[in-house]
Amino acid sequence: MRRRYDLESEISAVSELESGWPPSRIAREHCIHPSLPCRWRSELAKES
């Protein structure tokens, strides 16, 4: 079963990614897979 993340969590991770944090560090901090911040950044860009 897939975990669902709220929009605030996604925005927080993307913000850290855009601040220069490496995806691996963001993943450790948020207990997520390292590819998720990059995917979320793409998805949020499409929504804008």
N, C-alpha and C. Protein backbone atom coordinates (compact mmCIF):
# COMPACT_ATOMS: atom_id res chain seq x y z
N MET A 1 0.84 -1.17 0.00
CA MET A 1 0.00 0.00 0.00
C MET A 1 0.89 1.25 0.00
N ARG A 2 0.53 2.21 -0.83
CA ARG A 2 1.31 3.43 -0.93
C ARG A 2 0.98 4.39 0.20
N ARG A 3 2.00 5.09 0.65
CA ARG A 3 1.77 6.15 1.64
C ARG A 3 1.34 7.41 0.92
N ARG A 4 0.50 8.17 1.56
CA ARG A 4 0.05 9.45 1.02
C ARG A 4 0.69 10.56 1.84
N TYR A 5 1.14 11.59 1.17
CA TYR A 5 1.77 12.72 1.84
C TYR A 5 0.93 13.96 1.60
N ASP A 6 0.81 14.79 2.62
CA ASP A 6 0.03 16.01 2.45
C ASP A 6 0.84 17.05 1.68
N LEU A 7 0.14 18.02 1.15
CA LEU A 7 0.76 19.04 0.31
C LEU A 7 1.82 19.82 1.07
N GLU A 8 1.60 20.08 2.34
CA GLU A 8 2.59 20.81 3.14
C GLU A 8 3.92 20.07 3.21
N SER A 9 3.87 18.75 3.37
CA SER A 9 5.10 17.95 3.43
C SER A 9 5.83 18.00 2.10
N GLU A 10 5.08 17.91 1.01
CA GLU A 10 5.68 17.96 -0.32
C GLU A 10 6.34 19.32 -0.56
N ILE A 11 5.64 20.39 -0.22
CA ILE A 11 6.17 21.73 -0.42
C ILE A 11 7.42 21.95 0.43
N SER A 12 7.42 21.45 1.65
CA SER A 12 8.58 21.57 2.53
C SER A 12 9.80 20.88 1.93
N ALA A 13 9.61 19.67 1.43
CA ALA A 13 10.72 18.92 0.84
C ALA A 13 11.23 19.61 -0.42
N VAL A 14 10.33 20.10 -1.25
CA VAL A 14 10.73 20.79 -2.48
C VAL A 14 11.47 22.09 -2.15
N SER A 15 11.02 22.78 -1.14
CA SER A 15 11.69 24.02 -0.71
C SER A 15 13.13 23.73 -0.28
N GLU A 16 13.32 22.67 0.46
CA GLU A 16 14.67 22.29 0.89
C GLU A 16 15.52 21.90 -0.31
N LEU A 17 14.92 21.21 -1.27
CA LEU A 17 15.64 20.82 -2.48
C LEU A 17 16.09 22.06 -3.24
N GLU A 18 15.22 23.04 -3.36
CA GLU A 18 15.56 24.27 -4.08
C GLU A 18 16.55 25.13 -3.30
N SER A 19 16.67 24.90 -2.01
CA SER A 19 17.65 25.62 -1.19
C SER A 19 19.04 25.02 -1.32
N GLY A 20 19.13 23.89 -2.01
CA GLY A 20 20.43 23.28 -2.24
C GLY A 20 20.71 22.02 -1.45
N TRP A 21 19.73 21.58 -0.65
CA TRP A 21 19.93 20.34 0.09
C TRP A 21 19.97 19.16 -0.88
N PRO A 22 20.84 18.19 -0.66
CA PRO A 22 20.84 17.00 -1.51
C PRO A 22 19.60 16.14 -1.23
N PRO A 23 19.06 15.50 -2.27
CA PRO A 23 17.87 14.66 -2.08
C PRO A 23 18.04 13.59 -1.00
N SER A 24 19.25 13.06 -0.86
CA SER A 24 19.46 12.01 0.15
C SER A 24 19.27 12.56 1.57
N ARG A 25 19.70 13.79 1.80
CA ARG A 25 19.52 14.39 3.13
C ARG A 25 18.04 14.68 3.39
N ILE A 26 17.35 15.20 2.40
CA ILE A 26 15.92 15.48 2.54
C ILE A 26 15.18 14.18 2.83
N ALA A 27 15.56 13.13 2.14
CA ALA A 27 14.92 11.83 2.34
C ALA A 27 15.11 11.34 3.77
N ARG A 28 16.32 11.48 4.30
CA ARG A 28 16.57 11.07 5.68
C ARG A 28 15.74 11.89 6.66
N GLU A 29 15.70 13.20 6.45
CA GLU A 29 14.98 14.09 7.37
C GLU A 29 13.47 13.81 7.38
N HIS A 30 12.93 13.48 6.21
CA HIS A 30 11.48 13.29 6.08
C HIS A 30 11.06 11.82 6.06
N CYS A 31 12.03 10.91 6.14
CA CYS A 31 11.76 9.47 6.09
C CYS A 31 11.00 9.10 4.82
N ILE A 32 11.56 9.52 3.69
CA ILE A 32 10.96 9.24 2.38
C ILE A 32 12.02 8.68 1.45
N HIS A 33 11.61 8.20 0.29
CA HIS A 33 12.54 7.71 -0.72
C HIS A 33 13.26 8.91 -1.35
N PRO A 34 14.55 8.79 -1.65
CA PRO A 34 15.31 9.92 -2.20
C PRO A 34 14.79 10.48 -3.52
N SER A 35 14.03 9.72 -4.27
CA SER A 35 13.52 10.24 -5.54
C SER A 35 12.28 11.12 -5.38
N LEU A 36 11.62 11.05 -4.23
CA LEU A 36 10.37 11.79 -4.06
C LEU A 36 10.52 13.31 -4.15
N PRO A 37 11.51 13.94 -3.53
CA PRO A 37 11.59 15.40 -3.65
C PRO A 37 11.68 15.88 -5.11
N CYS A 38 12.43 15.17 -5.93
CA CYS A 38 12.55 15.55 -7.34
C CYS A 38 11.23 15.34 -8.08
N ARG A 39 10.56 14.25 -7.78
CA ARG A 39 9.27 13.98 -8.40
C ARG A 39 8.25 15.04 -7.99
N TRP A 40 8.24 15.36 -6.70
CA TRP A 40 7.30 16.37 -6.21
C TRP A 40 7.58 17.73 -6.84
N ARG A 41 8.85 18.07 -7.03
CA ARG A 41 9.18 19.35 -7.67
C ARG A 41 8.60 19.39 -9.08
N SER A 42 8.73 18.30 -9.82
CA SER A 42 8.17 18.24 -11.18
C SER A 42 6.66 18.35 -11.16
N GLU A 43 6.02 17.63 -10.24
CA GLU A 43 4.56 17.65 -10.16
C GLU A 43 4.05 19.03 -9.77
N LEU A 44 4.71 19.68 -8.82
CA LEU A 44 4.27 21.01 -8.40
C LEU A 44 4.48 22.04 -9.50
N ALA A 45 5.53 21.87 -10.30
CA ALA A 45 5.78 22.79 -11.42
C ALA A 45 4.69 22.65 -12.48
N LYS A 46 4.21 21.43 -12.70
CA LYS A 46 3.15 21.20 -13.68
C LYS A 46 1.83 21.83 -13.23
N GLU A 47 1.59 21.83 -11.92
CA GLU A 47 0.35 22.38 -11.39
C GLU A 47 0.32 23.90 -11.45
N SER A 48 1.48 24.53 -11.47
CA SER A 48 1.55 26.00 -11.44
C SER A 48 1.18 26.60 -12.77
